[in-house]
Amino acid sequence: MRDHSKLKVFELADRLVLLIYAETGLFPATERYGLQSQIRRAAISIVANIVEGCARSSQAEYLRFMEIAYGSARELQYEIGLSAKLGFLNPQSASQLDHECTSIAKALNGLLRSLHRK
C-alpha cells in the first residue's frame, strides 16, 4: 500500500483545503449552497482522491484516482477565477489560491506522466 502522507502533492492539497475554507467563509450567505459549496467540494475531492487512490492495491486504480484528483484541481482553478470575477474573492486571495491550485495540478500531472510510463 502507498502512504498518501508521504506525497508532496497530498501536503499541498491538504493545505489548500484549509485556505479554501478560510477564504470561502467570507462568501455571501446566498452562495452557501452554490459556489461556496462547490469550491469546497472540489478542494476536498482533490485530497480525498489522492488518499483513496493510495489505498487502492492496483496501479490502474491508483492512476484513475490521481486522474480524478487532477480533474478536480482544474475544476477548482476555474471556480476560483469565477469567484474573483463575481467579487467573492479579492484579487490577492484569488491569486494565492490559483497559485496553490496550479502547483497541485502540476504535481499531479507529473505524477500521472510518471505512472503512465510504467
Protein backbone atom coordinates (compact mmCIF):
# COMPACT_ATOMS: atom_id res chain seq x y z
CA MET A 1 0.00 0.00 0.00
CA ARG A 2 1.07 3.56 -0.65
CA ASP A 3 1.29 6.14 2.13
CA HIS A 4 -0.51 9.29 0.98
CA SER A 5 1.07 11.35 3.75
CA LYS A 6 4.49 10.90 2.10
CA LEU A 7 3.35 12.54 -1.14
CA LYS A 8 4.22 16.21 -1.54
CA VAL A 9 1.05 16.69 -3.58
CA PHE A 10 -1.00 15.46 -0.61
CA GLU A 11 0.60 18.09 1.63
CA LEU A 12 -0.10 20.82 -0.94
CA ALA A 13 -3.72 19.74 -1.42
CA ASP A 14 -4.33 19.41 2.31
CA ARG A 15 -3.04 22.96 2.88
CA LEU A 16 -5.20 24.24 0.03
CA VAL A 17 -8.37 22.85 1.64
CA LEU A 18 -7.67 24.90 4.76
CA LEU A 19 -7.07 28.03 2.68
CA ILE A 20 -10.23 27.43 0.67
CA TYR A 21 -12.34 27.08 3.81
CA ALA A 22 -10.90 30.29 5.26
CA GLU A 23 -11.45 32.32 2.09
CA THR A 24 -14.87 30.95 1.17
CA GLY A 25 -16.12 31.58 4.69
CA LEU A 26 -16.36 35.22 3.60
CA PHE A 27 -18.68 34.46 0.66
CA PRO A 28 -22.19 35.90 0.76
CA ALA A 29 -24.80 33.77 2.52
CA THR A 30 -26.63 33.38 -0.80
CA GLU A 31 -23.67 31.29 -2.04
CA ARG A 32 -23.72 28.84 0.86
CA TYR A 33 -25.28 26.13 -1.32
CA GLY A 34 -23.89 27.42 -4.59
CA LEU A 35 -20.35 28.38 -5.48
CA GLN A 36 -19.07 28.25 -1.88
CA SER A 37 -20.19 24.64 -1.53
CA GLN A 38 -18.90 23.67 -4.98
CA ILE A 39 -15.46 25.17 -4.35
CA ARG A 40 -15.16 23.39 -1.03
CA ARG A 41 -16.23 20.07 -2.55
CA ALA A 42 -13.72 20.40 -5.39
CA ALA A 43 -10.88 21.17 -2.95
CA ILE A 44 -11.80 18.22 -0.73
CA SER A 45 -12.15 16.00 -3.80
CA ILE A 46 -8.51 16.58 -4.69
CA VAL A 47 -7.28 15.38 -1.30
CA ALA A 48 -9.86 12.61 -0.93
CA ASN A 49 -8.98 11.11 -4.31
CA ILE A 50 -5.26 11.20 -3.52
CA VAL A 51 -5.92 9.38 -0.24
CA GLU A 52 -8.31 6.88 -1.79
CA GLY A 53 -6.00 6.24 -4.74
CA CYS A 54 -3.13 5.47 -2.41
CA ALA A 55 -5.33 2.96 -0.59
CA ARG A 56 -6.05 1.01 -3.78
CA SER A 57 -3.99 -2.07 -4.50
CA SER A 58 -3.81 -1.93 -8.28
CA GLN A 59 -1.75 0.52 -10.29
CA ALA A 60 -4.71 1.10 -12.64
CA GLU A 61 -6.97 2.16 -9.76
CA TYR A 62 -4.24 4.37 -8.31
CA LEU A 63 -3.86 6.05 -11.69
CA ARG A 64 -7.63 6.51 -12.05
CA PHE A 65 -7.94 8.28 -8.69
CA MET A 66 -4.97 10.53 -9.43
CA GLU A 67 -6.66 11.48 -12.72
CA ILE A 68 -9.85 12.35 -10.84
CA ALA A 69 -7.81 14.45 -8.39
CA TYR A 70 -6.22 16.27 -11.33
CA GLY A 71 -9.66 16.95 -12.83
CA SER A 72 -10.85 18.35 -9.51
CA ALA A 73 -7.80 20.62 -9.33
CA ARG A 74 -8.57 22.03 -12.77
CA GLU A 75 -12.23 22.47 -11.84
CA LEU A 76 -11.19 24.34 -8.72
CA GLN A 77 -8.98 26.67 -10.74
CA TYR A 78 -11.98 27.71 -12.81
CA GLU A 79 -14.15 28.21 -9.74
CA ILE A 80 -11.51 30.38 -8.09
CA GLY A 81 -11.35 32.58 -11.18
CA LEU A 82 -15.12 32.80 -11.35
CA SER A 83 -15.31 33.75 -7.68
CA ALA A 84 -12.85 36.58 -8.31
CA LYS A 85 -14.84 37.80 -11.32
CA LEU A 86 -18.00 37.81 -9.23
CA GLY A 87 -16.25 39.76 -6.47
CA PHE A 88 -16.48 36.99 -3.88
CA LEU A 89 -12.68 36.75 -3.62
CA ASN A 90 -10.35 39.70 -3.54
CA PRO A 91 -7.65 39.69 -6.23
CA GLN A 92 -4.83 38.85 -3.80
CA SER A 93 -6.67 35.87 -2.31
CA ALA A 94 -7.72 34.62 -5.73
CA SER A 95 -4.13 34.89 -6.97
CA GLN A 96 -2.77 32.96 -3.97
CA LEU A 97 -5.40 30.23 -4.29
CA ASP A 98 -4.84 29.97 -8.04
CA HIS A 99 -1.08 29.68 -7.47
CA GLU A 100 -1.60 26.90 -4.91
CA CYS A 101 -4.01 25.11 -7.23
CA THR A 102 -1.60 25.40 -10.18
CA SER A 103 1.17 23.86 -8.06
CA ILE A 104 -1.08 20.93 -7.20
CA ALA A 105 -2.17 20.44 -10.83
CA LYS A 106 1.47 20.46 -11.97
CA ALA A 107 2.47 17.96 -9.28
CA LEU A 108 -0.42 15.67 -10.18
CA ASN A 109 0.36 15.99 -13.87
CA GLY A 110 3.97 14.98 -13.21
CA LEU A 111 2.84 12.03 -11.13
CA LEU A 112 0.39 10.98 -13.85
CA ARG A 113 3.09 11.18 -16.55
CA SER A 114 5.34 9.04 -14.39
CA LEU A 115 2.59 6.48 -13.77
CA HIS A 116 1.72 6.28 -17.47
CA ARG A 117 5.35 5.46 -18.32
CA LYS A 118 5.33 2.42 -16.02
